[in-house]
Amino acid sequence: MSMSPMFPLYALSLPTLLIASAAISLHQFKLCFVAFVKVANTSRGNAVWQFVQPFLRDIAVVLEGTLGKASGFSPNLTHVMLTSLVLAVVFSAERVRGAILQRK
């Protein structure tokens, strides 16, 4: 099994790309988290919304109890590094799966 001549470039740039994508993913999560909590706490006149809103509000309360206030959620370096590790594991598992399927 020979390595690609581009392997050093991949080895040097992949961690940076994973950290950047993890930071972007956590920022998107923050935006979705804030939007979900705002939607769950608004009251509207629709009958279907009146039925669904208590469930959404309960989920929002649990999320805020676990992660803190939605408006104050701020991912730190540990969150970013752990998310980048999860992304690396997912990408590696996909490469392993592809290699296994090629051998069959």
N, C-alpha and C. Protein backbone atom coordinates (compact mmCIF):
# COMPACT_ATOMS: atom_id res chain seq x y z
N MET A 1 0.86 -1.17 0.00
CA MET A 1 0.00 0.00 0.00
C MET A 1 0.91 1.23 0.00
N SER A 2 0.84 2.02 -1.04
CA SER A 2 1.68 3.21 -1.14
C SER A 2 0.87 4.45 -0.77
N MET A 3 1.59 5.43 -0.24
CA MET A 3 0.93 6.68 0.15
C MET A 3 0.90 7.64 -1.02
N SER A 4 -0.09 8.47 -1.03
CA SER A 4 -0.21 9.50 -2.04
C SER A 4 0.89 10.54 -1.84
N PRO A 5 1.38 11.13 -2.93
CA PRO A 5 2.38 12.19 -2.77
C PRO A 5 1.80 13.44 -2.11
N MET A 6 0.49 13.53 -2.03
CA MET A 6 -0.17 14.67 -1.40
C MET A 6 -0.40 14.45 0.10
N PHE A 7 0.00 13.28 0.62
CA PHE A 7 -0.25 12.97 2.02
C PHE A 7 0.31 14.00 3.00
N PRO A 8 1.53 14.50 2.82
CA PRO A 8 2.02 15.53 3.76
C PRO A 8 1.14 16.77 3.79
N LEU A 9 0.63 17.16 2.63
CA LEU A 9 -0.26 18.32 2.58
C LEU A 9 -1.56 18.04 3.34
N TYR A 10 -2.10 16.85 3.16
CA TYR A 10 -3.31 16.46 3.90
C TYR A 10 -3.04 16.43 5.39
N ALA A 11 -1.91 15.85 5.78
CA ALA A 11 -1.59 15.71 7.20
C ALA A 11 -1.41 17.06 7.88
N LEU A 12 -0.92 18.04 7.15
CA LEU A 12 -0.71 19.36 7.73
C LEU A 12 -1.97 20.23 7.72
N SER A 13 -2.79 20.07 6.70
CA SER A 13 -3.96 20.96 6.58
C SER A 13 -5.23 20.40 7.21
N LEU A 14 -5.34 19.10 7.35
CA LEU A 14 -6.58 18.51 7.86
C LEU A 14 -6.94 18.95 9.27
N PRO A 15 -6.02 18.99 10.23
CA PRO A 15 -6.42 19.45 11.57
C PRO A 15 -6.95 20.88 11.58
N THR A 16 -6.33 21.75 10.78
CA THR A 16 -6.81 23.13 10.71
C THR A 16 -8.21 23.19 10.12
N LEU A 17 -8.45 22.42 9.08
CA LEU A 17 -9.78 22.40 8.47
C LEU A 17 -10.82 21.81 9.42
N LEU A 18 -10.45 20.79 10.17
CA LEU A 18 -11.38 20.19 11.13
C LEU A 18 -11.73 21.18 12.24
N ILE A 19 -10.74 21.91 12.74
CA ILE A 19 -11.01 22.89 13.80
C ILE A 19 -11.89 24.01 13.27
N ALA A 20 -11.62 24.47 12.05
CA ALA A 20 -12.46 25.53 11.46
C ALA A 20 -13.89 25.05 11.24
N SER A 21 -14.05 23.83 10.73
CA SER A 21 -15.41 23.32 10.51
C SER A 21 -16.13 23.07 11.83
N ALA A 22 -15.40 22.69 12.87
CA ALA A 22 -16.02 22.50 14.19
C ALA A 22 -16.49 23.83 14.75
N ALA A 23 -15.69 24.88 14.59
CA ALA A 23 -16.09 26.21 15.07
C ALA A 23 -17.33 26.71 14.34
N ILE A 24 -17.37 26.48 13.03
CA ILE A 24 -18.55 26.89 12.25
C ILE A 24 -19.77 26.08 12.67
N SER A 25 -19.60 24.78 12.89
CA SER A 25 -20.72 23.93 13.31
C SER A 25 -21.28 24.36 14.66
N LEU A 26 -20.39 24.69 15.59
CA LEU A 26 -20.86 25.12 16.91
C LEU A 26 -21.55 26.48 16.84
N HIS A 27 -21.08 27.35 15.96
CA HIS A 27 -21.76 28.64 15.79
C HIS A 27 -23.15 28.44 15.20
N GLN A 28 -23.28 27.54 14.23
CA GLN A 28 -24.59 27.22 13.67
C GLN A 28 -25.50 26.61 14.73
N PHE A 29 -24.95 25.76 15.59
CA PHE A 29 -25.75 25.18 16.67
C PHE A 29 -26.25 26.28 17.59
N LYS A 30 -25.39 27.25 17.90
CA LYS A 30 -25.80 28.34 18.78
C LYS A 30 -26.97 29.11 18.16
N LEU A 31 -26.88 29.41 16.86
CA LEU A 31 -27.96 30.13 16.19
C LEU A 31 -29.27 29.33 16.22
N CYS A 32 -29.18 28.03 15.96
CA CYS A 32 -30.38 27.18 16.00
C CYS A 32 -30.93 27.06 17.41
N PHE A 33 -30.05 26.98 18.39
CA PHE A 33 -30.46 26.87 19.80
C PHE A 33 -31.21 28.12 20.24
N VAL A 34 -30.67 29.29 19.91
CA VAL A 34 -31.33 30.55 20.27
C VAL A 34 -32.68 30.66 19.56
N ALA A 35 -32.71 30.33 18.27
CA ALA A 35 -33.96 30.42 17.50
C ALA A 35 -35.00 29.45 18.05
N PHE A 36 -34.58 28.22 18.40
CA PHE A 36 -35.52 27.23 18.93
C PHE A 36 -36.13 27.71 20.24
N VAL A 37 -35.31 28.24 21.13
CA VAL A 37 -35.82 28.71 22.43
C VAL A 37 -36.77 29.88 22.23
N LYS A 38 -36.46 30.79 21.30
CA LYS A 38 -37.37 31.91 21.04
C LYS A 38 -38.70 31.43 20.48
N VAL A 39 -38.65 30.49 19.55
CA VAL A 39 -39.89 29.96 18.96
C VAL A 39 -40.69 29.21 20.02
N ALA A 40 -40.02 28.44 20.86
CA ALA A 40 -40.72 27.66 21.88
C ALA A 40 -41.39 28.54 22.92
N ASN A 41 -40.87 29.75 23.13
CA ASN A 41 -41.44 30.63 24.15
C ASN A 41 -42.42 31.66 23.60
N THR A 42 -42.65 31.69 22.30
CA THR A 42 -43.63 32.62 21.76
C THR A 42 -45.02 31.98 21.80
N SER A 43 -46.00 32.79 22.02
CA SER A 43 -47.38 32.28 22.02
C SER A 43 -48.10 32.79 20.78
N ARG A 44 -48.77 31.89 20.13
CA ARG A 44 -49.50 32.21 18.90
C ARG A 44 -50.93 31.71 19.05
N GLY A 45 -51.81 32.14 18.15
CA GLY A 45 -53.22 31.81 18.25
C GLY A 45 -53.64 30.53 17.57
N ASN A 46 -52.80 29.92 16.77
CA ASN A 46 -53.15 28.72 16.02
C ASN A 46 -53.41 27.55 16.98
N ALA A 47 -54.44 26.77 16.68
CA ALA A 47 -54.81 25.65 17.55
C ALA A 47 -53.72 24.57 17.57
N VAL A 48 -53.13 24.31 16.44
CA VAL A 48 -52.06 23.31 16.38
C VAL A 48 -50.86 23.80 17.20
N TRP A 49 -50.54 25.07 17.07
CA TRP A 49 -49.42 25.63 17.83
C TRP A 49 -49.70 25.57 19.33
N GLN A 50 -50.94 25.82 19.72
CA GLN A 50 -51.31 25.75 21.14
C GLN A 50 -51.11 24.34 21.68
N PHE A 51 -51.28 23.33 20.81
CA PHE A 51 -51.10 21.95 21.22
C PHE A 51 -49.61 21.58 21.30
N VAL A 52 -48.79 22.05 20.36
CA VAL A 52 -47.39 21.67 20.26
C VAL A 52 -46.49 22.50 21.18
N GLN A 53 -46.87 23.72 21.46
CA GLN A 53 -46.00 24.63 22.19
C GLN A 53 -45.58 24.12 23.57
N PRO A 54 -46.44 23.52 24.37
CA PRO A 54 -45.97 23.03 25.67
C PRO A 54 -44.85 21.99 25.56
N PHE A 55 -44.91 21.14 24.54
CA PHE A 55 -43.84 20.16 24.34
C PHE A 55 -42.53 20.85 23.95
N LEU A 56 -42.62 21.81 23.05
CA LEU A 56 -41.43 22.54 22.63
C LEU A 56 -40.84 23.34 23.80
N ARG A 57 -41.71 23.91 24.60
CA ARG A 57 -41.24 24.67 25.76
C ARG A 57 -40.52 23.76 26.76
N ASP A 58 -41.05 22.54 26.95
CA ASP A 58 -40.39 21.59 27.85
C ASP A 58 -39.01 21.19 27.31
N ILE A 59 -38.91 20.97 26.02
CA ILE A 59 -37.62 20.64 25.41
C ILE A 59 -36.65 21.81 25.57
N ALA A 60 -37.15 23.03 25.37
CA ALA A 60 -36.30 24.22 25.52
C ALA A 60 -35.82 24.37 26.96
N VAL A 61 -36.68 24.06 27.92
CA VAL A 61 -36.28 24.15 29.33
C VAL A 61 -35.20 23.12 29.64
N VAL A 62 -35.35 21.90 29.11
CA VAL A 62 -34.34 20.86 29.34
C VAL A 62 -33.01 21.26 28.70
N LEU A 63 -33.06 21.77 27.46
CA LEU A 63 -31.84 22.19 26.79
C LEU A 63 -31.15 23.32 27.54
N GLU A 64 -31.94 24.29 28.00
CA GLU A 64 -31.34 25.40 28.75
C GLU A 64 -30.83 24.94 30.11
N GLY A 65 -31.47 23.96 30.69
CA GLY A 65 -30.98 23.41 31.95
C GLY A 65 -29.67 22.68 31.78
N THR A 66 -29.48 22.06 30.62
CA THR A 66 -28.25 21.32 30.34
C THR A 66 -27.13 22.22 29.84
N LEU A 67 -27.45 23.09 28.89
CA LEU A 67 -26.43 23.90 28.23
C LEU A 67 -26.32 25.32 28.75
N GLY A 68 -27.23 25.73 29.60
CA GLY A 68 -27.25 27.12 30.07
C GLY A 68 -28.18 27.96 29.20
N LYS A 69 -28.29 29.23 29.54
CA LYS A 69 -29.18 30.13 28.78
C LYS A 69 -28.77 30.14 27.32
N ALA A 70 -29.76 30.12 26.45
CA ALA A 70 -29.48 30.10 25.01
C ALA A 70 -28.75 31.35 24.57
N SER A 71 -29.13 32.50 25.10
CA SER A 71 -28.48 33.74 24.69
C SER A 71 -27.05 33.82 25.19
N GLY A 72 -26.74 33.09 26.24
CA GLY A 72 -25.40 33.13 26.80
C GLY A 72 -24.52 31.95 26.40
N PHE A 73 -25.03 31.08 25.52
CA PHE A 73 -24.25 29.92 25.11
C PHE A 73 -23.08 30.38 24.26
N SER A 74 -21.89 30.03 24.69
CA SER A 74 -20.69 30.43 23.98
C SER A 74 -19.71 29.25 24.01
N PRO A 75 -19.53 28.58 22.85
CA PRO A 75 -18.62 27.45 22.85
C PRO A 75 -17.19 27.90 23.10
N ASN A 76 -16.49 27.18 23.95
CA ASN A 76 -15.10 27.53 24.23
C ASN A 76 -14.17 26.59 23.48
N LEU A 77 -12.89 26.70 23.73
CA LEU A 77 -11.90 25.92 22.99
C LEU A 77 -12.10 24.42 23.18
N THR A 78 -12.50 24.01 24.37
CA THR A 78 -12.73 22.58 24.62
C THR A 78 -13.86 22.05 23.75
N HIS A 79 -14.95 22.81 23.62
CA HIS A 79 -16.06 22.39 22.76
C HIS A 79 -15.58 22.26 21.31
N VAL A 80 -14.81 23.22 20.85
CA VAL A 80 -14.34 23.20 19.47
C VAL A 80 -13.43 22.00 19.23
N MET A 81 -12.51 21.74 20.15
CA MET A 81 -11.59 20.62 19.97
C MET A 81 -12.32 19.27 20.02
N LEU A 82 -13.28 19.13 20.93
CA LEU A 82 -14.04 17.88 21.00
C LEU A 82 -14.88 17.67 19.75
N THR A 83 -15.48 18.75 19.24
CA THR A 83 -16.26 18.64 18.01
C THR A 83 -15.36 18.28 16.84
N SER A 84 -14.17 18.85 16.78
CA SER A 84 -13.26 18.51 15.68
C SER A 84 -12.82 17.04 15.78
N LEU A 85 -12.65 16.53 17.00
CA LEU A 85 -12.33 15.11 17.16
C LEU A 85 -13.47 14.22 16.69
N VAL A 86 -14.69 14.60 17.00
CA VAL A 86 -15.85 13.83 16.54
C VAL A 86 -15.91 13.84 15.01
N LEU A 87 -15.67 14.99 14.40
CA LEU A 87 -15.66 15.07 12.94
C LEU A 87 -14.56 14.19 12.35
N ALA A 88 -13.39 14.18 12.99
CA ALA A 88 -12.29 13.34 12.50
C ALA A 88 -12.66 11.86 12.58
N VAL A 89 -13.31 11.46 13.66
CA VAL A 89 -13.72 10.06 13.79
C VAL A 89 -14.75 9.70 12.74
N VAL A 90 -15.69 10.60 12.48
CA VAL A 90 -16.72 10.33 11.46
C VAL A 90 -16.07 10.22 10.08
N PHE A 91 -15.16 11.13 9.75
CA PHE A 91 -14.49 11.06 8.45
C PHE A 91 -13.63 9.80 8.34
N SER A 92 -12.95 9.43 9.40
CA SER A 92 -12.13 8.23 9.37
C SER A 92 -12.99 6.98 9.20
N ALA A 93 -14.09 6.94 9.89
CA ALA A 93 -14.99 5.79 9.76
C ALA A 93 -15.53 5.68 8.34
N GLU A 94 -15.78 6.81 7.71
CA GLU A 94 -16.26 6.80 6.33
C GLU A 94 -15.17 6.28 5.39
N ARG A 95 -13.92 6.66 5.62
CA ARG A 95 -12.82 6.16 4.79
C ARG A 95 -12.64 4.67 4.99
N VAL A 96 -12.74 4.20 6.21
CA VAL A 96 -12.62 2.76 6.48
C VAL A 96 -13.75 2.00 5.81
N ARG A 97 -14.95 2.54 5.90
CA ARG A 97 -16.10 1.89 5.26
C ARG A 97 -15.90 1.81 3.75
N GLY A 98 -15.41 2.89 3.15
CA GLY A 98 -15.15 2.90 1.71
C GLY A 98 -14.08 1.89 1.32
N ALA A 99 -13.04 1.76 2.13
CA ALA A 99 -11.99 0.79 1.84
C ALA A 99 -12.51 -0.63 1.96
N ILE A 100 -13.37 -0.88 2.93
CA ILE A 100 -13.95 -2.22 3.08
C ILE A 100 -14.85 -2.56 1.89
N LEU A 101 -15.64 -1.57 1.46
CA LEU A 101 -16.52 -1.83 0.32
C LEU A 101 -15.74 -2.04 -0.98
N GLN A 102 -14.59 -1.41 -1.13
CA GLN A 102 -13.78 -1.59 -2.33
C GLN A 102 -13.20 -3.01 -2.40
N ARG A 103 -12.87 -3.58 -1.24
CA ARG A 103 -12.29 -4.92 -1.22
C ARG A 103 -13.29 -5.99 -1.52
N LYS A 104 -14.56 -5.74 -1.30
CA LYS A 104 -15.59 -6.76 -1.55
C LYS A 104 -15.90 -6.91 -2.99
